[in-house]
PDB file of all heavy atoms in Angstrom:
ATOM      1  N   GLU A   1     110.894 112.309 100.365  1.00  0.00           N
ATOM      2  CA  GLU A   1     110.094 111.100 100.180  1.00  0.00           C
ATOM      3  C   GLU A   1     110.528 109.844 100.889  1.00  0.00           C
ATOM      4  O   GLU A   1     109.816 109.196 101.624  1.00  0.00           O
ATOM      5  CB  GLU A   1     109.835 110.781  98.640  1.00  0.00           C
ATOM      6  CG  GLU A   1     108.979 109.655  98.451  1.00  0.00           C
ATOM      7  CD  GLU A   1     108.827 109.386  96.915  1.00  0.00           C
ATOM      8  OE1 GLU A   1     108.879 110.336  96.094  1.00  0.00           O
ATOM      9  OE2 GLU A   1     108.523 108.257  96.433  1.00  0.00           O
ATOM     10  N   GLU A   2     111.865 109.588 100.762  1.00  0.00           N
ATOM     11  CA  GLU A   2     112.439 108.434 101.410  1.00  0.00           C
ATOM     12  C   GLU A   2     112.517 108.589 102.881  1.00  0.00           C
ATOM     13  O   GLU A   2     112.248 107.728 103.695  1.00  0.00           O
ATOM     14  CB  GLU A   2     113.893 108.224 100.939  1.00  0.00           C
ATOM     15  CG  GLU A   2     113.922 107.559  99.639  1.00  0.00           C
ATOM     16  CD  GLU A   2     115.325 107.025  99.209  1.00  0.00           C
ATOM     17  OE1 GLU A   2     116.385 107.609  99.647  1.00  0.00           O
ATOM     18  OE2 GLU A   2     115.440 105.942  98.639  1.00  0.00           O
ATOM     19  N   ARG A   3     112.628 109.817 103.447  1.00  0.00           N
ATOM     20  CA  ARG A   3     112.648 110.036 104.764  1.00  0.00           C
ATOM     21  C   ARG A   3     111.188 109.804 105.369  1.00  0.00           C
ATOM     22  O   ARG A   3     110.956 109.303 106.545  1.00  0.00           O
ATOM     23  CB  ARG A   3     113.033 111.472 105.213  1.00  0.00           C
ATOM     24  CG  ARG A   3     114.655 111.744 105.135  1.00  0.00           C
ATOM     25  CD  ARG A   3     115.014 112.965 105.704  1.00  0.00           C
ATOM     26  NE  ARG A   3     114.499 114.148 105.075  1.00  0.00           N
ATOM     27  CZ  ARG A   3     114.845 114.768 104.041  1.00  0.00           C
ATOM     28  NH1 ARG A   3     115.987 114.334 103.416  1.00  0.00           N
ATOM     29  NH2 ARG A   3     114.327 115.922 103.621  1.00  0.00           N
ATOM     30  N   GLU A   4     110.161 110.224 104.609  1.00  0.00           N
ATOM     31  CA  GLU A   4     108.820 109.998 105.086  1.00  0.00           C
ATOM     32  C   GLU A   4     108.546 108.501 105.106  1.00  0.00           C
ATOM     33  O   GLU A   4     107.775 108.056 105.991  1.00  0.00           O
ATOM     34  CB  GLU A   4     107.791 110.695 104.050  1.00  0.00           C
ATOM     35  CG  GLU A   4     107.804 112.277 104.320  1.00  0.00           C
ATOM     36  CD  GLU A   4     106.972 112.951 103.420  1.00  0.00           C
ATOM     37  OE1 GLU A   4     106.252 112.426 102.702  1.00  0.00           O
ATOM     38  OE2 GLU A   4     107.116 114.226 103.364  1.00  0.00           O
ATOM     39  N   ILE A   5     109.038 107.781 104.083  1.00  0.00           N
ATOM     40  CA  ILE A   5     108.864 106.295 104.105  1.00  0.00           C
ATOM     41  C   ILE A   5     109.511 105.743 105.298  1.00  0.00           C
ATOM     42  O   ILE A   5     108.875 104.888 105.994  1.00  0.00           O
ATOM     43  CB  ILE A   5     109.317 105.724 102.843  1.00  0.00           C
ATOM     44  CG1 ILE A   5     108.506 106.096 101.556  1.00  0.00           C
ATOM     45  CG2 ILE A   5     109.477 104.168 102.938  1.00  0.00           C
ATOM     46  CD1 ILE A   5     109.194 105.777 100.288  1.00  0.00           C
ATOM     47  N   ALA A   6     110.669 106.190 105.626  1.00  0.00           N
ATOM     48  CA  ALA A   6     111.291 105.678 106.790  1.00  0.00           C
ATOM     49  C   ALA A   6     110.574 105.888 108.107  1.00  0.00           C
ATOM     50  O   ALA A   6     110.440 105.024 108.969  1.00  0.00           O
ATOM     51  CB  ALA A   6     112.777 106.211 106.852  1.00  0.00           C
ATOM     52  N   LYS A   7     110.071 107.168 108.161  1.00  0.00           N
ATOM     53  CA  LYS A   7     109.318 107.530 109.373  1.00  0.00           C
ATOM     54  C   LYS A   7     108.032 106.624 109.449  1.00  0.00           C
ATOM     55  O   LYS A   7     107.694 106.256 110.631  1.00  0.00           O
ATOM     56  CB  LYS A   7     108.878 108.999 109.315  1.00  0.00           C
ATOM     57  CG  LYS A   7     108.162 109.520 110.492  1.00  0.00           C
ATOM     58  CD  LYS A   7     107.828 110.958 110.509  1.00  0.00           C
ATOM     59  CE  LYS A   7     107.045 111.506 111.662  1.00  0.00           C
ATOM     60  NZ  LYS A   7     106.375 110.535 112.501  1.00  0.00           N
ATOM     61  N   THR A   8     107.323 106.390 108.368  1.00  0.00           N
ATOM     62  CA  THR A   8     106.165 105.588 108.372  1.00  0.00           C
ATOM     63  C   THR A   8     106.465 104.165 108.854  1.00  0.00           C
ATOM     64  O   THR A   8     105.807 103.616 109.607  1.00  0.00           O
ATOM     65  CB  THR A   8     105.545 105.505 106.933  1.00  0.00           C
ATOM     66  OG1 THR A   8     105.126 106.820 106.639  1.00  0.00           O
ATOM     67  CG2 THR A   8     104.294 104.609 106.903  1.00  0.00           C
ATOM     68  N   VAL A   9     107.578 103.601 108.371  1.00  0.00           N
ATOM     69  CA  VAL A   9     108.100 102.271 108.810  1.00  0.00           C
ATOM     70  C   VAL A   9     108.282 102.372 110.167  1.00  0.00           C
ATOM     71  O   VAL A   9     107.895 101.334 111.043  1.00  0.00           O
ATOM     72  CB  VAL A   9     109.343 101.799 107.978  1.00  0.00           C
ATOM     73  CG1 VAL A   9     109.933 100.579 108.604  1.00  0.00           C
ATOM     74  CG2 VAL A   9     108.974 101.518 106.576  1.00  0.00           C
ATOM     75  N   MET A  10     108.954 103.290 110.784  1.00  0.00           N
ATOM     76  CA  MET A  10     109.255 103.422 112.233  1.00  0.00           C
ATOM     77  C   MET A  10     107.899 103.533 113.001  1.00  0.00           C
ATOM     78  O   MET A  10     107.766 102.785 114.131  1.00  0.00           O
ATOM     79  CB  MET A  10     110.139 104.540 112.470  1.00  0.00           C
ATOM     80  CG  MET A  10     111.533 104.243 112.056  1.00  0.00           C
ATOM     81  SD  MET A  10     112.587 105.702 112.576  1.00  0.00           S
ATOM     82  CE  MET A  10     113.366 106.152 111.085  1.00  0.00           C
ATOM     83  N   ASP A  11     107.002 104.389 112.587  1.00  0.00           N
ATOM     84  CA  ASP A  11     105.811 104.535 113.193  1.00  0.00           C
ATOM     85  C   ASP A  11     104.829 103.240 113.260  1.00  0.00           C
ATOM     86  O   ASP A  11     104.189 102.981 114.310  1.00  0.00           O
ATOM     87  CB  ASP A  11     104.926 105.710 112.627  1.00  0.00           C
ATOM     88  CG  ASP A  11     105.592 107.008 112.867  1.00  0.00           C
ATOM     89  OD1 ASP A  11     106.508 107.026 113.773  1.00  0.00           O
ATOM     90  OD2 ASP A  11     105.167 107.959 112.190  1.00  0.00           O
ATOM     91  N   ARG A  12     104.844 102.623 112.152  1.00  0.00           N
ATOM     92  CA  ARG A  12     104.056 101.316 112.053  1.00  0.00           C
ATOM     93  C   ARG A  12     104.646 100.151 112.759  1.00  0.00           C
ATOM     94  O   ARG A  12     103.891  99.213 113.017  1.00  0.00           O
ATOM     95  CB  ARG A  12     103.837 100.996 110.592  1.00  0.00           C
ATOM     96  CG  ARG A  12     102.789 102.107 109.984  1.00  0.00           C
ATOM     97  CD  ARG A  12     102.522 101.527 108.557  1.00  0.00           C
ATOM     98  NE  ARG A  12     101.626 102.501 107.892  1.00  0.00           N
ATOM     99  CZ  ARG A  12     101.421 102.565 106.682  1.00  0.00           C
ATOM    100  NH1 ARG A  12     101.933 101.561 105.836  1.00  0.00           N
ATOM    101  NH2 ARG A  12     100.554 103.463 106.187  1.00  0.00           N
ATOM    102  N   ASN A  13     105.949 100.109 112.827  1.00  0.00           N
ATOM    103  CA  ASN A  13     106.589  98.921 113.440  1.00  0.00           C
ATOM    104  C   ASN A  13     107.651  99.502 114.545  1.00  0.00           C
ATOM    105  O   ASN A  13     108.792  99.219 114.436  1.00  0.00           O
ATOM    106  CB  ASN A  13     107.442  98.226 112.332  1.00  0.00           C
ATOM    107  CG  ASN A  13     106.522  97.884 111.108  1.00  0.00           C
ATOM    108  OD1 ASN A  13     105.830  97.006 111.281  1.00  0.00           O
ATOM    109  ND2 ASN A  13     106.661  98.690 110.136  1.00  0.00           N
ATOM    110  N   PRO A  14     107.089  99.903 115.591  1.00  0.00           N
ATOM    111  CA  PRO A  14     108.023 100.506 116.588  1.00  0.00           C
ATOM    112  C   PRO A  14     108.969  99.525 117.226  1.00  0.00           C
ATOM    113  O   PRO A  14     110.134  99.857 117.613  1.00  0.00           O
ATOM    114  CB  PRO A  14     107.176 101.227 117.710  1.00  0.00           C
ATOM    115  CG  PRO A  14     105.770 100.505 117.502  1.00  0.00           C
ATOM    116  CD  PRO A  14     105.796 100.116 115.976  1.00  0.00           C
ATOM    117  N   ASP A  15     108.651  98.206 117.434  1.00  0.00           N
ATOM    118  CA  ASP A  15     109.462  97.284 117.920  1.00  0.00           C
ATOM    119  C   ASP A  15     110.493  96.522 117.008  1.00  0.00           C
ATOM    120  O   ASP A  15     111.443  96.030 117.371  1.00  0.00           O
ATOM    121  CB  ASP A  15     108.674  96.196 118.613  1.00  0.00           C
ATOM    122  CG  ASP A  15     107.818  96.808 119.749  1.00  0.00           C
ATOM    123  OD1 ASP A  15     108.336  97.726 120.428  1.00  0.00           O
ATOM    124  OD2 ASP A  15     106.787  96.161 119.977  1.00  0.00           O
ATOM    125  N   ASN A  16     110.174  96.585 115.687  1.00  0.00           N
ATOM    126  CA  ASN A  16     110.966  95.824 114.741  1.00  0.00           C
ATOM    127  C   ASN A  16     111.133  96.631 113.434  1.00  0.00           C
ATOM    128  O   ASN A  16     111.303  96.136 112.375  1.00  0.00           O
ATOM    129  CB  ASN A  16     110.425  94.457 114.481  1.00  0.00           C
ATOM    130  CG  ASN A  16     109.053  94.459 113.735  1.00  0.00           C
ATOM    131  OD1 ASN A  16     108.399  95.438 113.871  1.00  0.00           O
ATOM    132  ND2 ASN A  16     108.829  93.447 113.050  1.00  0.00           N
ATOM    133  N   TRP A  17     111.188  97.973 113.575  1.00  0.00           N
ATOM    134  CA  TRP A  17     111.308  98.800 112.298  1.00  0.00           C
ATOM    135  C   TRP A  17     112.580  98.558 111.561  1.00  0.00           C
ATOM    136  O   TRP A  17     112.661  98.598 110.405  1.00  0.00           O
ATOM    137  CB  TRP A  17     111.127 100.276 112.657  1.00  0.00           C
ATOM    138  CG  TRP A  17     112.212 100.899 113.441  1.00  0.00           C
ATOM    139  CD1 TRP A  17     112.282 100.972 114.894  1.00  0.00           C
ATOM    140  CD2 TRP A  17     113.441 101.442 112.992  1.00  0.00           C
ATOM    141  NE1 TRP A  17     113.432 101.551 115.231  1.00  0.00           N
ATOM    142  CE2 TRP A  17     114.161 101.888 114.112  1.00  0.00           C
ATOM    143  CE3 TRP A  17     113.980 101.627 111.774  1.00  0.00           C
ATOM    144  CZ2 TRP A  17     115.504 102.470 113.910  1.00  0.00           C
ATOM    145  CZ3 TRP A  17     115.183 102.282 111.641  1.00  0.00           C
ATOM    146  CH2 TRP A  17     115.923 102.632 112.678  1.00  0.00           C
ATOM    147  N   ARG A  18     113.630  98.140 112.336  1.00  0.00           N
ATOM    148  CA  ARG A  18     114.978  97.937 111.717  1.00  0.00           C
ATOM    149  C   ARG A  18     114.863  96.857 110.630  1.00  0.00           C
ATOM    150  O   ARG A  18     115.318  96.956 109.527  1.00  0.00           O
ATOM    151  CB  ARG A  18     116.082  97.700 112.677  1.00  0.00           C
ATOM    152  CG  ARG A  18     116.397  98.894 113.532  1.00  0.00           C
ATOM    153  CD  ARG A  18     117.230  98.544 114.684  1.00  0.00           C
ATOM    154  NE  ARG A  18     117.308  99.605 115.668  1.00  0.00           N
ATOM    155  CZ  ARG A  18     116.428  99.793 116.571  1.00  0.00           C
ATOM    156  NH1 ARG A  18     115.393  99.035 116.702  1.00  0.00           N
ATOM    157  NH2 ARG A  18     116.610 100.792 117.476  1.00  0.00           N
ATOM    158  N   SER A  19     114.274  95.698 111.121  1.00  0.00           N
ATOM    159  CA  SER A  19     114.084  94.601 110.120  1.00  0.00           C
ATOM    160  C   SER A  19     113.119  94.890 109.058  1.00  0.00           C
ATOM    161  O   SER A  19     113.352  94.494 107.850  1.00  0.00           O
ATOM    162  CB  SER A  19     113.769  93.207 110.947  1.00  0.00           C
ATOM    163  OG  SER A  19     112.627  93.407 111.631  1.00  0.00           O
ATOM    164  N   GLU A  20     112.154  95.515 109.303  1.00  0.00           N
ATOM    165  CA  GLU A  20     111.088  96.044 108.234  1.00  0.00           C
ATOM    166  C   GLU A  20     111.789  96.981 107.263  1.00  0.00           C
ATOM    167  O   GLU A  20     111.486  96.760 106.115  1.00  0.00           O
ATOM    168  CB  GLU A  20     109.920  96.590 108.866  1.00  0.00           C
ATOM    169  CG  GLU A  20     109.039  95.604 109.720  1.00  0.00           C
ATOM    170  CD  GLU A  20     108.568  94.455 108.934  1.00  0.00           C
ATOM    171  OE1 GLU A  20     108.167  94.558 107.775  1.00  0.00           O
ATOM    172  OE2 GLU A  20     108.654  93.292 109.509  1.00  0.00           O
ATOM    173  N   TRP A  21     112.627  97.739 107.686  1.00  0.00           N
ATOM    174  CA  TRP A  21     113.347  98.697 106.813  1.00  0.00           C
ATOM    175  C   TRP A  21     114.178  97.818 105.778  1.00  0.00           C
ATOM    176  O   TRP A  21     114.253  98.015 104.646  1.00  0.00           O
ATOM    177  CB  TRP A  21     114.113  99.692 107.610  1.00  0.00           C
ATOM    178  CG  TRP A  21     114.782 100.579 106.646  1.00  0.00           C
ATOM    179  CD1 TRP A  21     116.250 100.551 106.420  1.00  0.00           C
ATOM    180  CD2 TRP A  21     114.255 101.695 105.813  1.00  0.00           C
ATOM    181  NE1 TRP A  21     116.514 101.551 105.533  1.00  0.00           N
ATOM    182  CE2 TRP A  21     115.314 102.245 105.152  1.00  0.00           C
ATOM    183  CE3 TRP A  21     112.969 102.090 105.706  1.00  0.00           C
ATOM    184  CZ2 TRP A  21     115.064 103.332 104.248  1.00  0.00           C
ATOM    185  CZ3 TRP A  21     112.806 103.142 104.719  1.00  0.00           C
ATOM    186  CH2 TRP A  21     113.816 103.688 103.966  1.00  0.00           C
ATOM    187  N   LEU A  22     114.863  96.812 106.425  1.00  0.00           N
ATOM    188  CA  LEU A  22     115.763  95.987 105.570  1.00  0.00           C
ATOM    189  C   LEU A  22     114.983  95.230 104.551  1.00  0.00           C
ATOM    190  O   LEU A  22     115.323  95.081 103.416  1.00  0.00           O
ATOM    191  CB  LEU A  22     116.526  95.022 106.407  1.00  0.00           C
ATOM    192  CG  LEU A  22     117.611  95.767 107.279  1.00  0.00           C
ATOM    193  CD1 LEU A  22     118.278  94.739 108.307  1.00  0.00           C
ATOM    194  CD2 LEU A  22     118.772  96.348 106.438  1.00  0.00           C
ATOM    195  N   ARG A  23     113.804  94.763 105.054  1.00  0.00           N
ATOM    196  CA  ARG A  23     112.955  94.086 104.024  1.00  0.00           C
ATOM    197  C   ARG A  23     112.436  94.960 102.856  1.00  0.00           C
ATOM    198  O   ARG A  23     112.431  94.617 101.662  1.00  0.00           O
ATOM    199  CB  ARG A  23     111.645  93.514 104.743  1.00  0.00           C
ATOM    200  CG  ARG A  23     111.988  92.329 105.595  1.00  0.00           C
ATOM    201  CD  ARG A  23     110.745  91.604 106.215  1.00  0.00           C
ATOM    202  NE  ARG A  23     111.014  90.949 107.428  1.00  0.00           N
ATOM    203  CZ  ARG A  23     111.773  89.770 107.373  1.00  0.00           C
ATOM    204  NH1 ARG A  23     112.258  89.346 106.216  1.00  0.00           N
ATOM    205  NH2 ARG A  23     112.023  89.110 108.499  1.00  0.00           N
ATOM    206  N   LEU A  24     112.048  96.170 103.246  1.00  0.00           N
ATOM    207  CA  LEU A  24     111.645  97.025 102.317  1.00  0.00           C
ATOM    208  C   LEU A  24     112.763  97.349 101.278  1.00  0.00           C
ATOM    209  O   LEU A  24     112.472  97.672 100.091  1.00  0.00           O
ATOM    210  CB  LEU A  24     111.270  98.464 102.913  1.00  0.00           C
ATOM    211  CG  LEU A  24     110.752  99.555 102.111  1.00  0.00           C
ATOM    212  CD1 LEU A  24     109.375  99.061 101.462  1.00  0.00           C
ATOM    213  CD2 LEU A  24     110.457 100.808 102.966  1.00  0.00           C
ATOM    214  N   ARG A  25     114.065  97.327 101.717  1.00  0.00           N
ATOM    215  CA  ARG A  25     115.137  97.621 100.739  1.00  0.00           C
ATOM    216  C   ARG A  25     115.576  96.295 100.102  1.00  0.00           C
ATOM    217  O   ARG A  25     116.611  96.214  99.292  1.00  0.00           O
ATOM    218  CB  ARG A  25     116.267  98.055 101.620  1.00  0.00           C
ATOM    219  CG  ARG A  25     116.094  99.488 102.189  1.00  0.00           C
ATOM    220  CD  ARG A  25     115.932 100.525 101.112  1.00  0.00           C
ATOM    221  NE  ARG A  25     116.010 101.713 101.692  1.00  0.00           N
ATOM    222  CZ  ARG A  25     116.475 102.826 101.000  1.00  0.00           C
ATOM    223  NH1 ARG A  25     116.891 102.676  99.824  1.00  0.00           N
ATOM    224  NH2 ARG A  25     116.481 104.022 101.570  1.00  0.00           N
ATOM    225  N   GLY A  26     114.742  95.117 100.263  1.00  0.00           N
ATOM    226  CA  GLY A  26     115.161  93.934  99.549  1.00  0.00           C
ATOM    227  C   GLY A  26     116.155  93.104 100.151  1.00  0.00           C
ATOM    228  O   GLY A  26     116.807  92.204  99.498  1.00  0.00           O
ATOM    229  N   LEU A  27     116.351  93.368 101.530  1.00  0.00           N
ATOM    230  CA  LEU A  27     117.432  92.674 102.252  1.00  0.00           C
ATOM    231  C   LEU A  27     116.747  91.678 103.269  1.00  0.00           C
ATOM    232  O   LEU A  27     117.131  91.753 104.414  1.00  0.00           O
ATOM    233  CB  LEU A  27     118.383  93.651 102.885  1.00  0.00           C
ATOM    234  CG  LEU A  27     119.136  94.622 101.929  1.00  0.00           C
ATOM    235  CD1 LEU A  27     119.814  95.755 102.685  1.00  0.00           C
ATOM    236  CD2 LEU A  27     120.141  93.781 101.177  1.00  0.00           C
ATOM    237  N   ASP A  28     115.980  90.716 102.747  1.00  0.00           N
ATOM    238  CA  ASP A  28     115.204  89.824 103.613  1.00  0.00           C
ATOM    239  C   ASP A  28     116.138  88.973 104.472  1.00  0.00           C
ATOM    240  O   ASP A  28     115.832  88.727 105.618  1.00  0.00           O
ATOM    241  CB  ASP A  28     114.274  88.964 102.750  1.00  0.00           C
ATOM    242  CG  ASP A  28     113.182  89.774 102.140  1.00  0.00           C
ATOM    243  OD1 ASP A  28     113.028  90.968 102.450  1.00  0.00           O
ATOM    244  OD2 ASP A  28     112.507  89.182 101.226  1.00  0.00           O
ATOM    245  N   LEU A  29     117.194  88.386 103.981  1.00  0.00           N
ATOM    246  CA  LEU A  29     118.013  87.636 104.778  1.00  0.00           C
ATOM    247  C   LEU A  29     118.682  88.345 105.990  1.00  0.00           C
ATOM    248  O   LEU A  29     118.786  87.787 107.066  1.00  0.00           O
ATOM    249  CB  LEU A  29     119.220  86.935 103.916  1.00  0.00           C
ATOM    250  CG  LEU A  29     118.788  85.925 102.823  1.00  0.00           C
ATOM    251  CD1 LEU A  29     119.866  85.510 101.979  1.00  0.00           C
ATOM    252  CD2 LEU A  29     118.028  84.753 103.618  1.00  0.00           C
ATOM    253  N   TRP A  30     119.107  89.605 105.734  1.00  0.00           N
ATOM    254  CA  TRP A  30     119.649  90.422 106.768  1.00  0.00           C
ATOM    255  C   TRP A  30     118.507  90.718 107.860  1.00  0.00           C
ATOM    256  O   TRP A  30     118.805  90.815 109.087  1.00  0.00           O
ATOM    257  CB  TRP A  30     120.306  91.663 106.292  1.00  0.00           C
ATOM    258  CG  TRP A  30     121.543  91.440 105.667  1.00  0.00           C
ATOM    259  CD1 TRP A  30     121.874  91.279 104.280  1.00  0.00           C
ATOM    260  CD2 TRP A  30     122.778  91.130 106.342  1.00  0.00           C
ATOM    261  NE1 TRP A  30     123.191  90.893 104.124  1.00  0.00           N
ATOM    262  CE2 TRP A  30     123.800  90.899 105.424  1.00  0.00           C
ATOM    263  CE3 TRP A  30     123.162  91.173 107.676  1.00  0.00           C
ATOM    264  CZ2 TRP A  30     125.156  90.601 105.757  1.00  0.00           C
ATOM    265  CZ3 TRP A  30     124.489  90.845 108.029  1.00  0.00           C
ATOM    266  CH2 TRP A  30     125.484  90.644 107.087  1.00  0.00           C
ATOM    267  N   ALA A  31     117.259  90.954 107.357  1.00  0.00           N
ATOM    268  CA  ALA A  31     116.121  91.220 108.208  1.00  0.00           C
ATOM    269  C   ALA A  31     115.867  90.011 109.196  1.00  0.00           C
ATOM    270  O   ALA A  31     115.700  90.116 110.328  1.00  0.00           O
ATOM    271  CB  ALA A  31     114.928  91.582 107.430  1.00  0.00           C
ATOM    272  N   ASP A  32     115.900  88.788 108.487  1.00  0.00           N
ATOM    273  CA  ASP A  32     115.808  87.529 109.296  1.00  0.00           C
ATOM    274  C   ASP A  32     116.884  87.443 110.274  1.00  0.00           C
ATOM    275  O   ASP A  32     116.629  87.107 111.539  1.00  0.00           O
ATOM    276  CB  ASP A  32     115.824  86.309 108.376  1.00  0.00           C
ATOM    277  CG  ASP A  32     114.657  86.172 107.404  1.00  0.00           C
ATOM    278  OD1 ASP A  32     113.619  86.939 107.745  1.00  0.00           O
ATOM    279  OD2 ASP A  32     114.713  85.607 106.450  1.00  0.00           O
ATOM    280  N   TYR A  33     118.085  87.695 109.909  1.00  0.00           N
ATOM    281  CA  TYR A  33     119.265  87.685 110.884  1.00  0.00           C
ATOM    282  C   TYR A  33     119.037  88.660 111.960  1.00  0.00           C
ATOM    283  O   TYR A  33     119.238  88.229 113.228  1.00  0.00           O
ATOM    284  CB  TYR A  33     120.562  87.906 110.134  1.00  0.00           C
ATOM    285  CG  TYR A  33     121.761  88.165 111.036  1.00  0.00           C
ATOM    286  CD1 TYR A  33     122.229  87.141 111.817  1.00  0.00           C
ATOM    287  CD2 TYR A  33     122.205  89.446 111.399  1.00  0.00           C
ATOM    288  CE1 TYR A  33     123.258  87.263 112.750  1.00  0.00           C
ATOM    289  CE2 TYR A  33     123.304  89.487 112.250  1.00  0.00           C
ATOM    290  CZ  TYR A  33     123.845  88.463 112.893  1.00  0.00           C
ATOM    291  OH  TYR A  33     124.775  88.711 113.818  1.00  0.00           O
ATOM    292  N   LEU A  34     118.614  89.849 111.654  1.00  0.00           N
ATOM    293  CA  LEU A  34     118.434  90.825 112.718  1.00  0.00           C
ATOM    294  C   LEU A  34     117.329  90.392 113.751  1.00  0.00           C
ATOM    295  O   LEU A  34     117.504  90.500 114.940  1.00  0.00           O
ATOM    296  CB  LEU A  34     118.106  92.263 112.132  1.00  0.00           C
ATOM    297  CG  LEU A  34     118.061  93.344 113.023  1.00  0.00           C
ATOM    298  CD1 LEU A  34     119.322  93.527 113.772  1.00  0.00           C
ATOM    299  CD2 LEU A  34     117.737  94.616 112.308  1.00  0.00           C
ATOM    300  N   GLU A  35     116.280  89.787 113.211  1.00  0.00           N
ATOM    301  CA  GLU A  35     115.256  89.301 114.072  1.00  0.00           C
ATOM    302  C   GLU A  35     115.653  88.011 114.965  1.00  0.00           C
ATOM    303  O   GLU A  35     114.958  87.732 115.903  1.00  0.00           O
ATOM    304  CB  GLU A  35     113.993  88.943 113.260  1.00  0.00           C
ATOM    305  CG  GLU A  35     113.373  90.102 112.717  1.00  0.00           C
ATOM    306  CD  GLU A  35     112.218  89.842 111.732  1.00  0.00           C
ATOM    307  OE1 GLU A  35     112.163  88.696 111.241  1.00  0.00           O
ATOM    308  OE2 GLU A  35     111.420  90.723 111.322  1.00  0.00           O
ATOM    309  N   SER A  36     116.702  87.325 114.468  1.00  0.00           N
ATOM    310  CA  SER A  36     117.099  86.114 115.219  1.00  0.00           C
ATOM    311  C   SER A  36     118.025  86.453 116.362  1.00  0.00           C
ATOM    312  O   SER A  36     118.350  85.474 117.189  1.00  0.00           O
ATOM    313  CB  SER A  36     117.750  85.139 114.250  1.00  0.00           C
ATOM    314  OG  SER A  36     119.013  85.700 113.862  1.00  0.00           O
ATOM    315  N   ILE A  37     118.557  87.612 116.497  1.00  0.00           N
ATOM    316  CA  ILE A  37     119.551  87.831 117.541  1.00  0.00           C
ATOM    317  C   ILE A  37     118.852  88.673 118.713  1.00  0.00           C
ATOM    318  O   ILE A  37     117.799  89.385 118.455  1.00  0.00           O
ATOM    319  CB  ILE A  37     120.765  88.629 117.001  1.00  0.00           C
ATOM    320  CG1 ILE A  37     120.448  89.937 116.382  1.00  0.00           C
ATOM    321  CG2 ILE A  37     121.539  87.709 116.082  1.00  0.00           C
ATOM    322  CD1 ILE A  37     121.579  90.788 115.848  1.00  0.00           C
ATOM    323  N   THR A  38     119.457  88.618 119.830  1.00  0.00           N
ATOM    324  CA  THR A  38     118.903  89.324 120.996  1.00  0.00           C
ATOM    325  C   THR A  38     119.341  90.801 120.823  1.00  0.00           C
ATOM    326  O   THR A  38     120.333  91.100 120.213  1.00  0.00           O
ATOM    327  CB  THR A  38     119.507  88.767 122.348  1.00  0.00           C
ATOM    328  OG1 THR A  38     120.882  88.964 122.313  1.00  0.00           O
ATOM    329  CG2 THR A  38     119.129  87.330 122.480  1.00  0.00           C
TER     330      THR A  38
END
């Protein structure tokens, strides 16, 4: 189930799936940080 959720997040957000995954896990500040760096 978790692997399927991860795959869905990657499929729906190919350019920023990492930050979306962090948000899904309740780590919004880390997601913001990840989006702020090159």
